[in-house]
Each structure stands twice: as structure tokens, then as C-alpha cells.
Amino acid sequence: MILPDLTLEDTESIASTDVSDDDEDFIEIYEPKTCHTSKEKSFAEILNVSSITGQRKTRPIICGHRGSIYKEPENTLAGFLKAIEIGVDAVEFDVFLLKCGTLVVFHGAGGDENPGLLDDNIGIEGSILDYTAEEARKLSFNSNGEEFGCPKDRIDAPSAFIPTLKEVLEVLKGTGVIAKIELKGPGTAEPVLELVESMEMTDQCHYSSFDHSRIARIRELRPERNSDGTYIYRTGALFVDPPYNFISLSLAVGASEVHLRYDTCTKERVDAIHANGMGSLAWWRGPPGMLKDVTEKYLDVGNEDESMYRIAMKTGVDVMCVNKPDVLAKMH
């Protein structure tokens, strides 16, 4: 199904409207959570792939989540260079617009409700939004930060600093590696789009956000399509815990892809995404979240080991945005 070109006002109106049960253009699904005892949680059962045997014949697109965060600090030039060396197809990273008007690549604490806090990555109070790019460049990473999965000596290395988006794109330009840019902070959609176009990197950059109004803005500004009907400017609707109508919400903002947290990326959801003409991506949590998951919830797999990745691959998901791209790359 091809979604008609929409204005931002249109997408906001559609996103707030319930989709009728007899609307055959949408394939909506509702999945009650599977019940498990605290000691008997199977990752394969969670993704509804327990009955699928054999190996997937084609590998998914490998995306380095914030670079290669078990090798180098997250969202750094060193991390993206390492991911390229590993052989990823794409890298994902987070972008904020600072008060000086410069776009920087950073994640930080605070979740999606209040992103960019400095208490973990930097070890001080405040937000990245309180700084200019010049000031942010001088911030030292916190070697005891829980979000860092790489060796401590890499956190203290001269290459461990907060880069600008322009610097990251300069590293990626011409490599063929796709930049999956998460519009993390407010006011990022238009300046990111402007920078990408000024660097002639439209084909190499995709846009995503948990705040779907940001990707709706990208679609409003750039509704152009390829000859096959797909959008030239690719966007991804991000979800932590997808609601029953996540398909219609994604279509309403003109999303090219749907990005689901790895343990909500069931085969049924992936099938529904593809049936509605969108691409699928599974994203893995940061190191603290993953450690918690494999020690308290999914006891049949290791922390992003081959067994976990093989189970996720059985869902048929297009892109796997992982913290250990080197492990995934060696599997094929």
C-alpha cells in the first residue's frame, strides 16, 4: 500500500484517529504477552520462532548501534571507524542540536523523555543541551560510566570525545555505510536534513525518532518518491513497546521502516511490517539493559552471542542494530 503525500497537520490528525477493524489496507496485530515463570523465559518463545527450524539463507543488514560500543566509546569517530573496519552495512547514532546551532552526536542518560543527561557518560549533572559544541568537545568521558561497554583505556583515549554530526558524516561519506540518524533532541529535523543535503549524502542517510512528529516533519519537507513508489528520503518510526496499532501509526507519518526493540520484534510483527510495504529493524538496548535482560529475563541465550542473534534472525527482520557487530559479521 502506498501512503499519499501528507502534510505535518495531516499526519498528526491521522495518528490520533483509530483505524477501523474493517480497513483492509492496514494489517494490524495484537499480541498478548506470553506468560513465563521467572526461571523459564525463552527468547525464542518471546519472538514466536520456537517452531522455526533451519538457518536463514540471507543475512540481515548489520547496523552498529552507536558504532561498535564494546570496542570503542559509543557515538565517537573511533567507534564508527571501528564499525567500518568490522564490515557493517550501517551505523546508528543520536543527534542533538546545541544552543550554538551546531549538531552533535551523543546519547546520554535520561531516556527518551529527557535525553542527553550527562550523569553517566560524563559523570556530571546537567544536559548536553546546556553546552555549546566547543564546550561539549572539552567534556571528558566518565571511565566508570555504566553505558560504556568498551575497555576503560579507550574511554580515556584522546579519540574519546563528542563529535559534531558533520565530522561523523565526513567519516562515513563515500564508504557506502548507511548513516541511521536518530533525531534525539528537539529541533533536529530541519538542520539535520539541511546538513545531509549540503554534503550530498541523501542516499546514504536515513532518519528515525521515538518522537514521530520529527520524522513526520522530514516527510512533509521531502515527500519525493522513487519510480517504484518508495520514498527517496527514508525514515524509521521507533518504538520501545509497540502498541496494537503501531502499523497505522507508522504509516500515518510516512515511515519507510519500523524500528522495534529486539525483544518485541516478533515474527508476526515483522510480517505485518513487510505486508504494509515498510522495512523492519530490531534495535538492541545499551550494555546495562542487555546485561539485565540476559541475567533476569532471557536465560537461554548469552549477551548478544550467536545464539541470541540466530533466534532474532528467524523473525525475518531486515536490519539488526546490534552492540556487537563483529559477532554478527562473523556468522556469515
Protein backbone atom coordinates (compact mmCIF):
# COMPACT_ATOMS: atom_id res chain seq x y z
CA MET A 1 0.00 0.00 0.00
CA ILE A 2 1.32 3.47 -0.88
CA LEU A 3 0.51 6.22 1.59
CA PRO A 4 -0.44 9.52 -0.08
CA ASP A 5 1.77 12.55 0.41
CA LEU A 6 0.87 14.23 3.69
CA THR A 7 1.42 17.50 5.48
CA LEU A 8 2.51 17.55 9.11
CA GLU A 9 -1.02 18.54 10.11
CA ASP A 10 -2.38 15.55 8.19
CA THR A 11 -0.09 13.11 9.96
CA GLU A 12 -0.97 14.46 13.38
CA SER A 13 -4.65 14.08 12.59
CA ILE A 14 -4.27 10.54 11.25
CA ALA A 15 -2.04 9.43 14.12
CA SER A 16 -4.75 10.44 16.60
CA THR A 17 -7.51 8.60 14.72
CA ASP A 18 -8.37 4.97 15.37
CA VAL A 19 -8.18 2.65 12.39
CA SER A 20 -11.37 0.75 11.65
CA ASP A 21 -11.25 -3.01 12.07
CA ASP A 22 -12.55 -3.45 8.53
CA ASP A 23 -9.91 -1.24 6.92
CA GLU A 24 -8.22 -3.87 4.77
CA ASP A 25 -5.37 -1.53 3.77
CA PHE A 26 -3.84 -1.99 7.21
CA ILE A 27 -2.63 -5.27 8.67
CA GLU A 28 -2.87 -4.67 12.40
CA ILE A 29 -1.90 -7.20 15.02
CA TYR A 30 -2.39 -7.54 18.72
CA GLU A 31 -0.20 -9.89 20.70
CA PRO A 32 -0.86 -10.54 24.40
CA LYS A 33 2.36 -11.04 26.28
CA THR A 34 3.38 -14.67 26.64
CA CYS A 35 3.41 -15.83 30.24
CA HIS A 36 6.56 -17.43 31.62
CA THR A 37 7.82 -18.22 35.07
CA SER A 38 10.75 -16.12 36.22
CA LYS A 39 13.17 -19.03 35.61
CA GLU A 40 11.74 -20.30 32.32
CA LYS A 41 11.86 -17.44 29.89
CA SER A 42 12.86 -18.44 26.39
CA PHE A 43 13.98 -15.75 23.97
CA ALA A 44 12.79 -17.91 21.07
CA GLU A 45 9.32 -18.17 22.61
CA ILE A 46 9.18 -14.41 23.16
CA LEU A 47 9.80 -13.84 19.44
CA ASN A 48 7.47 -16.69 18.44
CA VAL A 49 10.10 -18.54 16.42
CA SER A 50 10.47 -21.71 18.52
CA SER A 51 8.94 -23.85 15.78
CA ILE A 52 11.14 -22.47 13.00
CA THR A 53 13.95 -24.86 12.11
CA GLY A 54 16.96 -24.42 9.88
CA GLN A 55 19.12 -21.38 9.21
CA ARG A 56 18.21 -18.16 7.49
CA LYS A 57 19.67 -18.19 3.98
CA THR A 58 20.37 -14.48 3.71
CA ARG A 59 21.94 -12.43 6.48
CA PRO A 60 20.27 -9.29 7.78
CA ILE A 61 21.72 -5.85 7.24
CA ILE A 62 24.28 -5.31 10.00
CA CYS A 63 23.99 -1.97 11.78
CA GLY A 64 26.41 -0.92 14.50
CA HIS A 65 24.40 0.53 17.40
CA ARG A 66 26.17 3.81 18.25
CA GLY A 67 29.21 2.45 16.40
CA SER A 68 30.96 -0.53 17.94
CA ILE A 69 30.46 0.12 21.63
CA TYR A 70 32.31 -2.89 23.02
CA LYS A 71 35.41 -1.82 21.11
CA GLU A 72 35.32 1.99 21.35
CA PRO A 73 33.21 4.53 23.26
CA GLU A 74 29.71 4.95 21.86
CA ASN A 75 28.97 7.68 19.33
CA THR A 76 32.61 8.58 18.67
CA LEU A 77 34.58 8.85 15.45
CA ALA A 78 36.79 6.00 16.69
CA GLY A 79 33.71 3.84 17.21
CA PHE A 80 32.36 4.49 13.73
CA LEU A 81 35.75 3.83 12.16
CA LYS A 82 35.94 0.53 14.04
CA ALA A 83 32.47 -0.41 12.82
CA ILE A 84 33.52 0.31 9.24
CA GLU A 85 36.62 -1.85 9.77
CA ILE A 86 34.40 -4.68 11.06
CA GLY A 87 32.37 -4.50 7.87
CA VAL A 88 28.98 -3.13 8.93
CA ASP A 89 26.38 -2.08 6.39
CA ALA A 90 25.14 0.79 8.56
CA VAL A 91 25.74 2.65 11.80
CA GLU A 92 23.14 4.20 14.09
CA PHE A 93 23.72 7.28 16.19
CA ASP A 94 21.91 10.02 18.10
CA VAL A 95 21.86 13.73 17.28
CA PHE A 96 21.22 16.86 19.35
CA LEU A 97 21.07 20.50 18.28
CA LEU A 98 23.08 22.58 20.75
CA LYS A 99 22.39 26.17 21.77
CA CYS A 100 25.15 27.40 19.46
CA GLY A 101 23.32 25.92 16.47
CA THR A 102 25.75 23.01 15.97
CA LEU A 103 24.57 19.41 15.65
CA VAL A 104 26.47 16.90 17.77
CA VAL A 105 26.38 13.12 18.10
CA PHE A 106 25.65 11.99 21.64
CA HIS A 107 23.25 9.75 23.56
CA GLY A 108 23.47 10.34 27.29
CA ALA A 109 21.15 9.31 30.09
CA GLY A 110 17.57 10.35 30.80
CA GLY A 111 15.71 8.02 28.46
CA ASP A 112 13.57 9.31 25.63
CA GLU A 113 11.55 11.57 27.92
CA ASN A 114 14.58 13.64 28.96
CA PRO A 115 17.52 12.57 26.78
CA GLY A 116 21.04 13.93 26.77
CA LEU A 117 21.75 13.96 30.50
CA LEU A 118 25.45 13.86 31.41
CA ASP A 119 25.47 11.97 34.72
CA ASP A 120 26.55 8.60 33.30
CA ASN A 121 28.64 9.27 30.19
CA ILE A 122 30.37 12.35 31.58
CA GLY A 123 29.84 11.94 35.32
CA ILE A 124 28.44 15.41 35.99
CA GLU A 125 24.98 16.93 36.37
CA GLY A 126 23.30 18.73 33.51
CA SER A 127 22.36 18.12 29.90
CA ILE A 128 24.25 18.23 26.64
CA LEU A 129 21.76 20.94 25.65
CA ASP A 130 23.34 23.26 28.24
CA TYR A 131 26.58 23.41 26.23
CA THR A 132 27.96 24.82 23.01
CA ALA A 133 29.76 22.44 20.67
CA GLU A 134 33.10 23.92 21.71
CA GLU A 135 32.29 23.36 25.38
CA ALA A 136 30.97 19.85 24.74
CA ARG A 137 34.19 18.96 22.94
CA LYS A 138 36.13 19.63 26.15
CA LEU A 139 34.00 17.30 28.30
CA SER A 140 35.84 14.18 29.46
CA PHE A 141 34.10 10.82 29.36
CA ASN A 142 33.45 9.05 32.66
CA SER A 143 35.51 5.84 32.67
CA ASN A 144 33.13 4.41 35.28
CA GLY A 145 30.02 5.13 33.23
CA GLU A 146 27.72 2.11 33.02
CA GLU A 147 26.74 2.82 29.43
CA PHE A 148 30.29 2.25 28.19
CA GLY A 149 30.94 -1.34 27.21
CA CYS A 150 34.45 -0.81 25.85
CA PRO A 151 37.75 -1.12 27.76
CA LYS A 152 38.48 1.77 30.13
CA ASP A 153 41.67 2.72 28.33
CA ARG A 154 39.59 3.51 25.24
CA ILE A 155 37.32 5.79 27.28
CA ASP A 156 40.37 7.78 28.41
CA ALA A 157 41.97 7.85 24.96
CA PRO A 158 42.41 11.15 23.05
CA SER A 159 39.92 9.86 20.47
CA ALA A 160 37.13 9.75 23.08
CA PHE A 161 35.24 12.99 22.56
CA ILE A 162 31.80 14.22 21.47
CA PRO A 163 31.93 14.78 17.69
CA THR A 164 29.81 17.02 15.54
CA LEU A 165 27.40 15.45 13.07
CA LYS A 166 29.41 16.96 10.23
CA GLU A 167 32.54 15.16 11.43
CA VAL A 168 30.70 11.85 11.60
CA LEU A 169 29.25 12.28 8.13
CA GLU A 170 32.69 13.16 6.77
CA VAL A 171 33.98 9.83 8.12
CA LEU A 172 31.10 7.92 6.52
CA LYS A 173 30.92 9.73 3.18
CA GLY A 174 31.96 7.54 0.29
CA THR A 175 32.21 4.36 2.38
CA GLY A 176 28.81 3.01 1.37
CA VAL A 177 27.92 2.63 5.06
CA ILE A 178 24.42 3.94 5.74
CA ALA A 179 24.01 6.56 8.47
CA LYS A 180 20.88 5.88 10.50
CA ILE A 181 20.44 9.21 12.25
CA GLU A 182 18.19 9.24 15.28
CA LEU A 183 16.72 12.70 15.80
CA LYS A 184 17.19 12.54 19.55
CA GLY A 185 16.87 16.16 20.60
CA PRO A 186 14.30 18.84 19.84
CA GLY A 187 14.62 20.93 16.70
CA THR A 188 16.83 18.45 14.89
CA ALA A 189 14.80 17.50 11.81
CA GLU A 190 15.37 20.54 9.61
CA PRO A 191 19.04 21.30 10.39
CA VAL A 192 20.00 17.62 10.01
CA LEU A 193 18.22 17.46 6.66
CA GLU A 194 19.93 20.67 5.55
CA LEU A 195 23.40 19.38 6.51
CA VAL A 196 22.88 16.00 4.82
CA GLU A 197 21.79 17.66 1.60
CA SER A 198 24.63 20.19 1.70
CA MET A 199 27.06 17.27 1.91
CA GLU A 200 25.27 15.46 -0.96
CA MET A 201 24.61 12.42 1.22
CA THR A 202 20.85 11.99 0.76
CA ASP A 203 21.19 8.41 -0.47
CA GLN A 204 23.44 7.48 2.45
CA CYS A 205 21.36 8.90 5.31
CA HIS A 206 18.16 7.68 6.97
CA TYR A 207 16.22 9.42 9.75
CA SER A 208 14.46 7.97 12.80
CA SER A 209 12.92 9.07 16.08
CA PHE A 210 10.79 7.96 19.01
CA ASP A 211 9.12 11.35 18.60
CA HIS A 212 7.23 10.61 15.42
CA SER A 213 6.49 14.28 14.77
CA ARG A 214 10.17 14.64 13.84
CA ILE A 215 10.07 12.05 11.07
CA ALA A 216 6.68 13.41 10.02
CA ARG A 217 8.45 16.73 9.52
CA ILE A 218 11.07 15.06 7.32
CA ARG A 219 8.29 13.51 5.26
CA GLU A 220 6.42 16.81 4.98
CA LEU A 221 9.55 18.54 3.74
CA ARG A 222 10.69 15.72 1.46
CA PRO A 223 7.77 13.61 0.12
CA GLU A 224 9.59 12.63 -3.09
CA ARG A 225 9.42 9.02 -4.23
CA ASN A 226 11.44 6.67 -6.39
CA SER A 227 9.95 5.16 -9.54
CA ASP A 228 8.91 2.06 -7.55
CA GLY A 229 6.87 4.17 -5.13
CA THR A 230 9.29 4.03 -2.21
CA TYR A 231 10.38 7.23 -0.52
CA ILE A 232 13.72 8.74 -1.53
CA TYR A 233 14.20 10.10 2.00
CA ARG A 234 13.96 7.08 4.29
CA THR A 235 12.54 7.42 7.80
CA GLY A 236 12.06 4.98 10.68
CA ALA A 237 9.37 5.02 13.37
CA LEU A 238 10.97 3.92 16.64
CA PHE A 239 9.08 2.01 19.34
CA VAL A 240 10.05 0.67 22.77
CA ASP A 241 6.88 -1.32 23.40
CA PRO A 242 4.80 -1.16 20.22
CA PRO A 243 1.05 -0.57 20.73
CA TYR A 244 -1.52 -2.70 18.93
CA ASN A 245 -1.84 -0.08 16.16
CA PHE A 246 1.89 0.51 15.59
CA ILE A 247 1.46 -0.22 11.88
CA SER A 248 -1.09 2.54 11.33
CA LEU A 249 0.93 4.95 13.48
CA SER A 250 3.98 4.31 11.31
CA LEU A 251 2.09 4.65 8.04
CA ALA A 252 0.45 7.84 9.27
CA VAL A 253 3.80 9.61 9.47
CA GLY A 254 5.03 8.20 6.17
CA ALA A 255 7.65 5.94 7.72
CA SER A 256 9.79 3.84 5.40
CA GLU A 257 10.72 1.48 8.24
CA VAL A 258 9.56 0.39 11.68
CA HIS A 259 12.24 0.05 14.37
CA LEU A 260 11.36 -2.30 17.24
CA ARG A 261 13.29 -3.15 20.39
CA TYR A 262 14.89 -6.54 19.81
CA ASP A 263 12.67 -8.46 22.27
CA THR A 264 9.43 -7.04 20.85
CA CYS A 265 10.44 -7.82 17.27
CA THR A 266 8.28 -10.93 16.87
CA LYS A 267 7.82 -12.76 13.60
CA GLU A 268 4.18 -11.65 13.46
CA ARG A 269 5.13 -8.00 13.79
CA VAL A 270 7.88 -8.31 11.19
CA ASP A 271 5.45 -9.99 8.78
CA ALA A 272 2.91 -7.21 9.33
CA ILE A 273 5.52 -4.52 8.72
CA HIS A 274 6.60 -6.11 5.45
CA ALA A 275 3.00 -6.74 4.34
CA ASN A 276 2.41 -2.99 4.64
CA GLY A 277 5.38 -2.13 2.43
CA MET A 278 7.79 -0.99 5.13
CA GLY A 279 11.22 -2.22 6.16
CA SER A 280 11.94 -3.67 9.60
CA LEU A 281 14.74 -3.08 12.10
CA ALA A 282 15.43 -4.61 15.51
CA TRP A 283 17.48 -2.48 17.90
CA TRP A 284 19.36 -3.75 20.93
CA ARG A 285 19.49 -1.93 24.25
CA GLY A 286 22.69 -0.43 25.68
CA PRO A 287 25.10 -2.55 27.75
CA PRO A 288 23.34 -2.12 31.15
CA GLY A 289 19.95 -3.01 29.69
CA MET A 290 21.28 -6.02 27.84
CA LEU A 291 23.08 -7.34 30.90
CA LYS A 292 19.87 -7.05 32.89
CA ASP A 293 17.86 -8.83 30.19
CA VAL A 294 20.13 -11.86 29.86
CA THR A 295 20.54 -12.31 33.62
CA GLU A 296 16.92 -11.78 34.62
CA LYS A 297 14.71 -12.47 31.59
CA TYR A 298 16.19 -14.48 28.71
CA LEU A 299 18.15 -17.25 30.32
CA ASP A 300 18.50 -19.42 27.22
CA VAL A 301 20.88 -17.05 25.37
CA GLY A 302 24.04 -15.13 26.09
CA ASN A 303 24.62 -11.39 25.98
CA GLU A 304 24.47 -10.78 22.25
CA ASP A 305 26.10 -14.08 21.39
CA GLU A 306 25.48 -16.10 18.24
CA SER A 307 22.54 -17.93 19.81
CA MET A 308 20.70 -14.67 20.52
CA TYR A 309 21.38 -13.31 17.05
CA ARG A 310 20.32 -16.54 15.31
CA ILE A 311 17.00 -16.51 17.13
CA ALA A 312 16.37 -12.88 16.16
CA MET A 313 17.27 -13.65 12.54
CA LYS A 314 14.48 -16.23 12.38
CA THR A 315 11.87 -13.45 12.57
CA GLY A 316 12.91 -12.32 9.09
CA VAL A 317 13.80 -8.82 10.26
CA ASP A 318 15.65 -6.78 7.64
CA VAL A 319 18.14 -4.89 9.83
CA MET A 320 19.73 -5.84 13.15
CA CYS A 321 21.10 -2.83 15.02
CA VAL A 322 23.45 -4.50 17.47
CA ASN A 323 26.13 -3.65 20.02
CA LYS A 324 28.42 -6.44 18.81
CA PRO A 325 28.50 -6.12 15.03
CA ASP A 326 31.74 -8.12 14.95
CA VAL A 327 29.88 -11.18 16.29
CA LEU A 328 27.09 -10.83 13.74
CA ALA A 329 29.52 -10.18 10.87
CA LYS A 330 31.38 -13.42 11.57
CA MET A 331 28.23 -15.51 11.39
CA HIS A 332 28.05 -15.31 7.59
